[in-house]
Amino acid sequence: YARMTGYGQSGPMRDAAGHDLNYI
């Protein structure tokens, strides 16, 4: 079961919106 997110499945930013530029 492979999951891909911007900030991960846990942590204070897990639910934050974003795109490539925000992540890097």
mmCIF file of all heavy atoms, coordinates in Angstrom:
data_MODEL
# 
_entry.id   MODEL 
# 
loop_
_atom_site.group_PDB 
_atom_site.id 
_atom_site.type_symbol 
_atom_site.label_atom_id 
_atom_site.label_alt_id 
_atom_site.label_comp_id 
_atom_site.label_asym_id 
_atom_site.label_entity_id 
_atom_site.label_seq_id 
_atom_site.pdbx_PDB_ins_code 
_atom_site.Cartn_x 
_atom_site.Cartn_y 
_atom_site.Cartn_z 
_atom_site.occupancy 
_atom_site.B_iso_or_equiv 
_atom_site.pdbx_formal_charge 
_atom_site.auth_seq_id 
_atom_site.auth_comp_id 
_atom_site.auth_asym_id 
_atom_site.auth_atom_id 
_atom_site.pdbx_PDB_model_num 
ATOM 1   N N   . TYR A 1 1  ? 0.867  -1.180 0.000  1.00 0.00 ? 1  TYR A N   1 
ATOM 2   C CA  . TYR A 1 1  ? 0.000  0.000  0.000  1.00 0.00 ? 1  TYR A CA  1 
ATOM 3   C C   . TYR A 1 1  ? 0.902  1.228  0.000  1.00 0.00 ? 1  TYR A C   1 
ATOM 4   O O   . TYR A 1 1  ? 1.484  1.605  1.020  1.00 0.00 ? 1  TYR A O   1 
ATOM 5   C CB  . TYR A 1 1  ? -0.885 -0.031 1.244  1.00 0.00 ? 1  TYR A CB  1 
ATOM 6   C CG  . TYR A 1 1  ? -2.050 0.940  1.226  1.00 0.00 ? 1  TYR A CG  1 
ATOM 7   C CD1 . TYR A 1 1  ? -3.344 0.477  1.035  1.00 0.00 ? 1  TYR A CD1 1 
ATOM 8   C CD2 . TYR A 1 1  ? -1.875 2.307  1.409  1.00 0.00 ? 1  TYR A CD2 1 
ATOM 9   C CE1 . TYR A 1 1  ? -4.440 1.341  1.027  1.00 0.00 ? 1  TYR A CE1 1 
ATOM 10  C CE2 . TYR A 1 1  ? -2.933 3.181  1.397  1.00 0.00 ? 1  TYR A CE2 1 
ATOM 11  C CZ  . TYR A 1 1  ? -4.216 2.698  1.207  1.00 0.00 ? 1  TYR A CZ  1 
ATOM 12  O OH  . TYR A 1 1  ? -5.281 3.565  1.202  1.00 0.00 ? 1  TYR A OH  1 
ATOM 13  N N   . ALA A 1 2  ? 1.069  1.846  -1.173 1.00 0.00 ? 2  ALA A N   1 
ATOM 14  C CA  . ALA A 1 2  ? 2.050  2.926  -1.353 1.00 0.00 ? 2  ALA A CA  1 
ATOM 15  C C   . ALA A 1 2  ? 1.369  4.284  -1.315 1.00 0.00 ? 2  ALA A C   1 
ATOM 16  O O   . ALA A 1 2  ? 0.475  4.561  -2.118 1.00 0.00 ? 2  ALA A O   1 
ATOM 17  C CB  . ALA A 1 2  ? 2.793  2.741  -2.668 1.00 0.00 ? 2  ALA A CB  1 
ATOM 18  N N   . ARG A 1 3  ? 1.820  5.147  -0.389 1.00 0.00 ? 3  ARG A N   1 
ATOM 19  C CA  . ARG A 1 3  ? 1.202  6.454  -0.168 1.00 0.00 ? 3  ARG A CA  1 
ATOM 20  C C   . ARG A 1 3  ? 2.191  7.564  -0.495 1.00 0.00 ? 3  ARG A C   1 
ATOM 21  O O   . ARG A 1 3  ? 3.352  7.525  -0.091 1.00 0.00 ? 3  ARG A O   1 
ATOM 22  C CB  . ARG A 1 3  ? 0.731  6.587  1.282  1.00 0.00 ? 3  ARG A CB  1 
ATOM 23  C CG  . ARG A 1 3  ? 0.128  5.336  1.853  1.00 0.00 ? 3  ARG A CG  1 
ATOM 24  C CD  . ARG A 1 3  ? -0.642 5.573  3.133  1.00 0.00 ? 3  ARG A CD  1 
ATOM 25  N NE  . ARG A 1 3  ? -1.954 6.162  2.853  1.00 0.00 ? 3  ARG A NE  1 
ATOM 26  C CZ  . ARG A 1 3  ? -2.906 6.322  3.778  1.00 0.00 ? 3  ARG A CZ  1 
ATOM 27  N NH1 . ARG A 1 3  ? -2.675 5.980  5.032  1.00 0.00 ? 3  ARG A NH1 1 
ATOM 28  N NH2 . ARG A 1 3  ? -4.072 6.844  3.451  1.00 0.00 ? 3  ARG A NH2 1 
ATOM 29  N N   . MET A 1 4  ? 1.702  8.556  -1.219 1.00 0.00 ? 4  MET A N   1 
ATOM 30  C CA  . MET A 1 4  ? 2.539  9.691  -1.611 1.00 0.00 ? 4  MET A CA  1 
ATOM 31  C C   . MET A 1 4  ? 1.874  10.981 -1.159 1.00 0.00 ? 4  MET A C   1 
ATOM 32  O O   . MET A 1 4  ? 0.742  11.279 -1.556 1.00 0.00 ? 4  MET A O   1 
ATOM 33  C CB  . MET A 1 4  ? 2.686  9.701  -3.137 1.00 0.00 ? 4  MET A CB  1 
ATOM 34  C CG  . MET A 1 4  ? 3.566  10.813 -3.694 1.00 0.00 ? 4  MET A CG  1 
ATOM 35  S SD  . MET A 1 4  ? 5.307  10.360 -3.679 1.00 0.00 ? 4  MET A SD  1 
ATOM 36  C CE  . MET A 1 4  ? 5.871  11.283 -2.254 1.00 0.00 ? 4  MET A CE  1 
ATOM 37  N N   . THR A 1 5  ? 2.554  11.728 -0.303 1.00 0.00 ? 5  THR A N   1 
ATOM 38  C CA  . THR A 1 5  ? 2.031  13.021 0.150  1.00 0.00 ? 5  THR A CA  1 
ATOM 39  C C   . THR A 1 5  ? 3.140  14.063 0.097  1.00 0.00 ? 5  THR A C   1 
ATOM 40  O O   . THR A 1 5  ? 4.297  13.757 -0.185 1.00 0.00 ? 5  THR A O   1 
ATOM 41  C CB  . THR A 1 5  ? 1.506  12.933 1.594  1.00 0.00 ? 5  THR A CB  1 
ATOM 42  O OG1 . THR A 1 5  ? 2.569  12.500 2.452  1.00 0.00 ? 5  THR A OG1 1 
ATOM 43  C CG2 . THR A 1 5  ? 0.324  11.985 1.705  1.00 0.00 ? 5  THR A CG2 1 
ATOM 44  N N   . GLY A 1 6  ? 2.760  15.296 0.390  1.00 0.00 ? 6  GLY A N   1 
ATOM 45  C CA  . GLY A 1 6  ? 3.749  16.359 0.421  1.00 0.00 ? 6  GLY A CA  1 
ATOM 46  C C   . GLY A 1 6  ? 4.567  16.347 1.694  1.00 0.00 ? 6  GLY A C   1 
ATOM 47  O O   . GLY A 1 6  ? 5.794  16.470 1.670  1.00 0.00 ? 6  GLY A O   1 
ATOM 48  N N   . TYR A 1 7  ? 3.897  16.183 2.837  1.00 0.00 ? 7  TYR A N   1 
ATOM 49  C CA  . TYR A 1 7  ? 4.568  16.331 4.128  1.00 0.00 ? 7  TYR A CA  1 
ATOM 50  C C   . TYR A 1 7  ? 4.582  15.062 4.965  1.00 0.00 ? 7  TYR A C   1 
ATOM 51  O O   . TYR A 1 7  ? 5.116  15.070 6.077  1.00 0.00 ? 7  TYR A O   1 
ATOM 52  C CB  . TYR A 1 7  ? 3.877  17.444 4.932  1.00 0.00 ? 7  TYR A CB  1 
ATOM 53  C CG  . TYR A 1 7  ? 3.885  18.783 4.230  1.00 0.00 ? 7  TYR A CG  1 
ATOM 54  C CD1 . TYR A 1 7  ? 2.701  19.331 3.743  1.00 0.00 ? 7  TYR A CD1 1 
ATOM 55  C CD2 . TYR A 1 7  ? 5.062  19.500 4.055  1.00 0.00 ? 7  TYR A CD2 1 
ATOM 56  C CE1 . TYR A 1 7  ? 2.693  20.569 3.094  1.00 0.00 ? 7  TYR A CE1 1 
ATOM 57  C CE2 . TYR A 1 7  ? 5.066  20.731 3.399  1.00 0.00 ? 7  TYR A CE2 1 
ATOM 58  C CZ  . TYR A 1 7  ? 3.870  21.259 2.929  1.00 0.00 ? 7  TYR A CZ  1 
ATOM 59  O OH  . TYR A 1 7  ? 3.880  22.480 2.294  1.00 0.00 ? 7  TYR A OH  1 
ATOM 60  N N   . GLY A 1 8  ? 4.002  13.968 4.465  1.00 0.00 ? 8  GLY A N   1 
ATOM 61  C CA  . GLY A 1 8  ? 4.005  12.726 5.216  1.00 0.00 ? 8  GLY A CA  1 
ATOM 62  C C   . GLY A 1 8  ? 2.679  12.459 5.903  1.00 0.00 ? 8  GLY A C   1 
ATOM 63  O O   . GLY A 1 8  ? 1.802  13.324 5.977  1.00 0.00 ? 8  GLY A O   1 
ATOM 64  N N   . GLN A 1 9  ? 2.549  11.261 6.439  1.00 0.00 ? 9  GLN A N   1 
ATOM 65  C CA  . GLN A 1 9  ? 1.303  10.835 7.067  1.00 0.00 ? 9  GLN A CA  1 
ATOM 66  C C   . GLN A 1 9  ? 1.166  11.316 8.506  1.00 0.00 ? 9  GLN A C   1 
ATOM 67  O O   . GLN A 1 9  ? 0.124  11.110 9.130  1.00 0.00 ? 9  GLN A O   1 
ATOM 68  C CB  . GLN A 1 9  ? 1.217  9.300  7.030  1.00 0.00 ? 9  GLN A CB  1 
ATOM 69  C CG  . GLN A 1 9  ? 1.131  8.714  5.638  1.00 0.00 ? 9  GLN A CG  1 
ATOM 70  C CD  . GLN A 1 9  ? -0.152 9.056  4.918  1.00 0.00 ? 9  GLN A CD  1 
ATOM 71  O OE1 . GLN A 1 9  ? -1.212 9.134  5.526  1.00 0.00 ? 9  GLN A OE1 1 
ATOM 72  N NE2 . GLN A 1 9  ? -0.060 9.267  3.602  1.00 0.00 ? 9  GLN A NE2 1 
ATOM 73  N N   . SER A 1 10 ? 2.173  11.945 9.051  1.00 0.00 ? 10 SER A N   1 
ATOM 74  C CA  . SER A 1 10 ? 2.117  12.449 10.425 1.00 0.00 ? 10 SER A CA  1 
ATOM 75  C C   . SER A 1 10 ? 2.875  13.766 10.506 1.00 0.00 ? 10 SER A C   1 
ATOM 76  O O   . SER A 1 10 ? 3.478  14.206 9.530  1.00 0.00 ? 10 SER A O   1 
ATOM 77  C CB  . SER A 1 10 ? 2.724  11.429 11.395 1.00 0.00 ? 10 SER A CB  1 
ATOM 78  O OG  . SER A 1 10 ? 4.095  11.214 11.089 1.00 0.00 ? 10 SER A OG  1 
ATOM 79  N N   . GLY A 1 11 ? 2.827  14.400 11.684 1.00 0.00 ? 11 GLY A N   1 
ATOM 80  C CA  . GLY A 1 11 ? 3.529  15.661 11.867 1.00 0.00 ? 11 GLY A CA  1 
ATOM 81  C C   . GLY A 1 11 ? 2.598  16.848 11.794 1.00 0.00 ? 11 GLY A C   1 
ATOM 82  O O   . GLY A 1 11 ? 1.482  16.744 11.274 1.00 0.00 ? 11 GLY A O   1 
ATOM 83  N N   . PRO A 1 12 ? 3.049  18.004 12.297 1.00 0.00 ? 12 PRO A N   1 
ATOM 84  C CA  . PRO A 1 12 ? 2.167  19.177 12.359 1.00 0.00 ? 12 PRO A CA  1 
ATOM 85  C C   . PRO A 1 12 ? 1.709  19.705 11.013 1.00 0.00 ? 12 PRO A C   1 
ATOM 86  O O   . PRO A 1 12 ? 0.717  20.427 10.936 1.00 0.00 ? 12 PRO A O   1 
ATOM 87  C CB  . PRO A 1 12 ? 3.027  20.214 13.101 1.00 0.00 ? 12 PRO A CB  1 
ATOM 88  C CG  . PRO A 1 12 ? 4.433  19.743 12.965 1.00 0.00 ? 12 PRO A CG  1 
ATOM 89  C CD  . PRO A 1 12 ? 4.362  18.258 12.911 1.00 0.00 ? 12 PRO A CD  1 
ATOM 90  N N   . MET A 1 13 ? 2.420  19.387 9.911  1.00 0.00 ? 13 MET A N   1 
ATOM 91  C CA  . MET A 1 13 ? 2.023  19.876 8.586  1.00 0.00 ? 13 MET A CA  1 
ATOM 92  C C   . MET A 1 13 ? 1.373  18.803 7.730  1.00 0.00 ? 13 MET A C   1 
ATOM 93  O O   . MET A 1 13 ? 1.159  19.018 6.527  1.00 0.00 ? 13 MET A O   1 
ATOM 94  C CB  . MET A 1 13 ? 3.235  20.461 7.853  1.00 0.00 ? 13 MET A CB  1 
ATOM 95  C CG  . MET A 1 13 ? 3.807  21.713 8.483  1.00 0.00 ? 13 MET A CG  1 
ATOM 96  S SD  . MET A 1 13 ? 5.068  22.513 7.447  1.00 0.00 ? 13 MET A SD  1 
ATOM 97  C CE  . MET A 1 13 ? 4.074  23.083 6.062  1.00 0.00 ? 13 MET A CE  1 
ATOM 98  N N   . ARG A 1 14 ? 1.030  17.682 8.302  1.00 0.00 ? 14 ARG A N   1 
ATOM 99  C CA  . ARG A 1 14 ? 0.504  16.574 7.492  1.00 0.00 ? 14 ARG A CA  1 
ATOM 100 C C   . ARG A 1 14 ? -0.729 16.964 6.677  1.00 0.00 ? 14 ARG A C   1 
ATOM 101 O O   . ARG A 1 14 ? -0.936 16.468 5.574  1.00 0.00 ? 14 ARG A O   1 
ATOM 102 C CB  . ARG A 1 14 ? 0.186  15.351 8.357  1.00 0.00 ? 14 ARG A CB  1 
ATOM 103 C CG  . ARG A 1 14 ? -0.781 15.596 9.484  1.00 0.00 ? 14 ARG A CG  1 
ATOM 104 C CD  . ARG A 1 14 ? -1.411 14.312 9.999  1.00 0.00 ? 14 ARG A CD  1 
ATOM 105 N NE  . ARG A 1 14 ? -2.628 14.017 9.256  1.00 0.00 ? 14 ARG A NE  1 
ATOM 106 C CZ  . ARG A 1 14 ? -3.285 12.867 9.350  1.00 0.00 ? 14 ARG A CZ  1 
ATOM 107 N NH1 . ARG A 1 14 ? -2.828 11.900 10.122 1.00 0.00 ? 14 ARG A NH1 1 
ATOM 108 N NH2 . ARG A 1 14 ? -4.409 12.676 8.663  1.00 0.00 ? 14 ARG A NH2 1 
ATOM 109 N N   . ASP A 1 15 ? -1.560 17.863 7.200  1.00 0.00 ? 15 ASP A N   1 
ATOM 110 C CA  . ASP A 1 15 ? -2.792 18.238 6.520  1.00 0.00 ? 15 ASP A CA  1 
ATOM 111 C C   . ASP A 1 15 ? -2.664 19.518 5.697  1.00 0.00 ? 15 ASP A C   1 
ATOM 112 O O   . ASP A 1 15 ? -3.647 19.962 5.094  1.00 0.00 ? 15 ASP A O   1 
ATOM 113 C CB  . ASP A 1 15 ? -3.923 18.412 7.540  1.00 0.00 ? 15 ASP A CB  1 
ATOM 114 C CG  . ASP A 1 15 ? -4.262 17.118 8.254  1.00 0.00 ? 15 ASP A CG  1 
ATOM 115 O OD1 . ASP A 1 15 ? -4.279 16.068 7.581  1.00 0.00 ? 15 ASP A OD1 1 
ATOM 116 O OD2 . ASP A 1 15 ? -4.477 17.148 9.471  1.00 0.00 ? 15 ASP A OD2 1 
ATOM 117 N N   . ALA A 1 16 ? -1.482 20.111 5.660  1.00 0.00 ? 16 ALA A N   1 
ATOM 118 C CA  . ALA A 1 16 ? -1.301 21.384 4.963  1.00 0.00 ? 16 ALA A CA  1 
ATOM 119 C C   . ALA A 1 16 ? -1.330 21.181 3.449  1.00 0.00 ? 16 ALA A C   1 
ATOM 120 O O   . ALA A 1 16 ? -0.862 20.172 2.923  1.00 0.00 ? 16 ALA A O   1 
ATOM 121 C CB  . ALA A 1 16 ? 0.022  22.035 5.367  1.00 0.00 ? 16 ALA A CB  1 
ATOM 122 N N   . ALA A 1 17 ? -1.899 22.173 2.757  1.00 0.00 ? 17 ALA A N   1 
ATOM 123 C CA  . ALA A 1 17 ? -1.901 22.144 1.295  1.00 0.00 ? 17 ALA A CA  1 
ATOM 124 C C   . ALA A 1 17 ? -0.524 22.540 0.775  1.00 0.00 ? 17 ALA A C   1 
ATOM 125 O O   . ALA A 1 17 ? 0.236  23.249 1.444  1.00 0.00 ? 17 ALA A O   1 
ATOM 126 C CB  . ALA A 1 17 ? -2.961 23.099 0.757  1.00 0.00 ? 17 ALA A CB  1 
ATOM 127 N N   . GLY A 1 18 ? -0.206 22.124 -0.433 1.00 0.00 ? 18 GLY A N   1 
ATOM 128 C CA  . GLY A 1 18 ? 1.073  22.503 -1.013 1.00 0.00 ? 18 GLY A CA  1 
ATOM 129 C C   . GLY A 1 18 ? 1.284  21.891 -2.373 1.00 0.00 ? 18 GLY A C   1 
ATOM 130 O O   . GLY A 1 18 ? 0.512  21.042 -2.826 1.00 0.00 ? 18 GLY A O   1 
ATOM 131 N N   . HIS A 1 19 ? 2.327  22.364 -3.039 1.00 0.00 ? 19 HIS A N   1 
ATOM 132 C CA  . HIS A 1 19 ? 2.783  21.800 -4.300 1.00 0.00 ? 19 HIS A CA  1 
ATOM 133 C C   . HIS A 1 19 ? 4.306  21.689 -4.236 1.00 0.00 ? 19 HIS A C   1 
ATOM 134 O O   . HIS A 1 19 ? 4.933  22.063 -3.242 1.00 0.00 ? 19 HIS A O   1 
ATOM 135 C CB  . HIS A 1 19 ? 2.351  22.669 -5.478 1.00 0.00 ? 19 HIS A CB  1 
ATOM 136 C CG  . HIS A 1 19 ? 0.890  22.533 -5.816 1.00 0.00 ? 19 HIS A CG  1 
ATOM 137 N ND1 . HIS A 1 19 ? 0.352  21.370 -6.307 1.00 0.00 ? 19 HIS A ND1 1 
ATOM 138 C CD2 . HIS A 1 19 ? -0.144 23.422 -5.728 1.00 0.00 ? 19 HIS A CD2 1 
ATOM 139 C CE1 . HIS A 1 19 ? -0.937 21.524 -6.509 1.00 0.00 ? 19 HIS A CE1 1 
ATOM 140 N NE2 . HIS A 1 19 ? -1.274 22.765 -6.169 1.00 0.00 ? 19 HIS A NE2 1 
ATOM 141 N N   . ASP A 1 20 ? 4.872  21.179 -5.319 1.00 0.00 ? 20 ASP A N   1 
ATOM 142 C CA  . ASP A 1 20 ? 6.318  20.922 -5.383 1.00 0.00 ? 20 ASP A CA  1 
ATOM 143 C C   . ASP A 1 20 ? 7.145  22.047 -4.769 1.00 0.00 ? 20 ASP A C   1 
ATOM 144 O O   . ASP A 1 20 ? 8.035  21.810 -3.954 1.00 0.00 ? 20 ASP A O   1 
ATOM 145 C CB  . ASP A 1 20 ? 6.699  20.718 -6.856 1.00 0.00 ? 20 ASP A CB  1 
ATOM 146 C CG  . ASP A 1 20 ? 8.173  20.418 -7.068 1.00 0.00 ? 20 ASP A CG  1 
ATOM 147 O OD1 . ASP A 1 20 ? 8.997  21.331 -6.854 1.00 0.00 ? 20 ASP A OD1 1 
ATOM 148 O OD2 . ASP A 1 20 ? 8.501  19.298 -7.466 1.00 0.00 ? 20 ASP A OD2 1 
ATOM 149 N N   . LEU A 1 21 ? 6.862  23.280 -5.170 1.00 0.00 ? 21 LEU A N   1 
ATOM 150 C CA  . LEU A 1 21 ? 7.671  24.405 -4.721 1.00 0.00 ? 21 LEU A CA  1 
ATOM 151 C C   . LEU A 1 21 ? 7.626  24.570 -3.204 1.00 0.00 ? 21 LEU A C   1 
ATOM 152 O O   . LEU A 1 21 ? 8.638  24.919 -2.579 1.00 0.00 ? 21 LEU A O   1 
ATOM 153 C CB  . LEU A 1 21 ? 7.194  25.692 -5.401 1.00 0.00 ? 21 LEU A CB  1 
ATOM 154 C CG  . LEU A 1 21 ? 8.191  26.850 -5.475 1.00 0.00 ? 21 LEU A CG  1 
ATOM 155 C CD1 . LEU A 1 21 ? 9.418  26.446 -6.280 1.00 0.00 ? 21 LEU A CD1 1 
ATOM 156 C CD2 . LEU A 1 21 ? 7.545  28.082 -6.085 1.00 0.00 ? 21 LEU A CD2 1 
ATOM 157 N N   . ASN A 1 22 ? 6.459  24.329 -2.608 1.00 0.00 ? 22 ASN A N   1 
ATOM 158 C CA  . ASN A 1 22 ? 6.346  24.411 -1.153 1.00 0.00 ? 22 ASN A CA  1 
ATOM 159 C C   . ASN A 1 22 ? 7.169  23.316 -0.479 1.00 0.00 ? 22 ASN A C   1 
ATOM 160 O O   . ASN A 1 22 ? 7.862  23.560 0.518  1.00 0.00 ? 22 ASN A O   1 
ATOM 161 C CB  . ASN A 1 22 ? 4.882  24.275 -0.719 1.00 0.00 ? 22 ASN A CB  1 
ATOM 162 C CG  . ASN A 1 22 ? 3.990  25.285 -1.386 1.00 0.00 ? 22 ASN A CG  1 
ATOM 163 O OD1 . ASN A 1 22 ? 3.135  24.915 -2.171 1.00 0.00 ? 22 ASN A OD1 1 
ATOM 164 N ND2 . ASN A 1 22 ? 4.170  26.569 -1.101 1.00 0.00 ? 22 ASN A ND2 1 
ATOM 165 N N   . TYR A 1 23 ? 7.102  22.122 -1.019 1.00 0.00 ? 23 TYR A N   1 
ATOM 166 C CA  . TYR A 1 23 ? 7.797  20.999 -0.394 1.00 0.00 ? 23 TYR A CA  1 
ATOM 167 C C   . TYR A 1 23 ? 9.315  21.200 -0.424 1.00 0.00 ? 23 TYR A C   1 
ATOM 168 O O   . TYR A 1 23 ? 9.997  20.999 0.577  1.00 0.00 ? 23 TYR A O   1 
ATOM 169 C CB  . TYR A 1 23 ? 7.419  19.688 -1.091 1.00 0.00 ? 23 TYR A CB  1 
ATOM 170 C CG  . TYR A 1 23 ? 5.928  19.478 -1.210 1.00 0.00 ? 23 TYR A CG  1 
ATOM 171 C CD1 . TYR A 1 23 ? 5.366  18.945 -2.366 1.00 0.00 ? 23 TYR A CD1 1 
ATOM 172 C CD2 . TYR A 1 23 ? 5.062  19.831 -0.178 1.00 0.00 ? 23 TYR A CD2 1 
ATOM 173 C CE1 . TYR A 1 23 ? 3.997  18.774 -2.491 1.00 0.00 ? 23 TYR A CE1 1 
ATOM 174 C CE2 . TYR A 1 23 ? 3.684  19.662 -0.295 1.00 0.00 ? 23 TYR A CE2 1 
ATOM 175 C CZ  . TYR A 1 23 ? 3.159  19.141 -1.451 1.00 0.00 ? 23 TYR A CZ  1 
ATOM 176 O OH  . TYR A 1 23 ? 1.812  18.969 -1.577 1.00 0.00 ? 23 TYR A OH  1 
ATOM 177 N N   . ILE A 1 24 ? 9.833  21.608 -1.588 1.00 0.00 ? 24 ILE A N   1 
ATOM 178 C CA  . ILE A 1 24 ? 11.294 21.750 -1.661 1.00 0.00 ? 24 ILE A CA  1 
ATOM 179 C C   . ILE A 1 24 ? 11.771 23.012 -0.955 1.00 0.00 ? 24 ILE A C   1 
ATOM 180 O O   . ILE A 1 24 ? 12.957 23.132 -0.629 1.00 0.00 ? 24 ILE A O   1 
ATOM 181 C CB  . ILE A 1 24 ? 11.800 21.708 -3.114 1.00 0.00 ? 24 ILE A CB  1 
ATOM 182 C CG1 . ILE A 1 24 ? 11.388 22.948 -3.906 1.00 0.00 ? 24 ILE A CG1 1 
ATOM 183 C CG2 . ILE A 1 24 ? 11.316 20.458 -3.808 1.00 0.00 ? 24 ILE A CG2 1 
ATOM 184 C CD1 . ILE A 1 24 ? 12.024 23.005 -5.299 1.00 0.00 ? 24 ILE A CD1 1 
# 
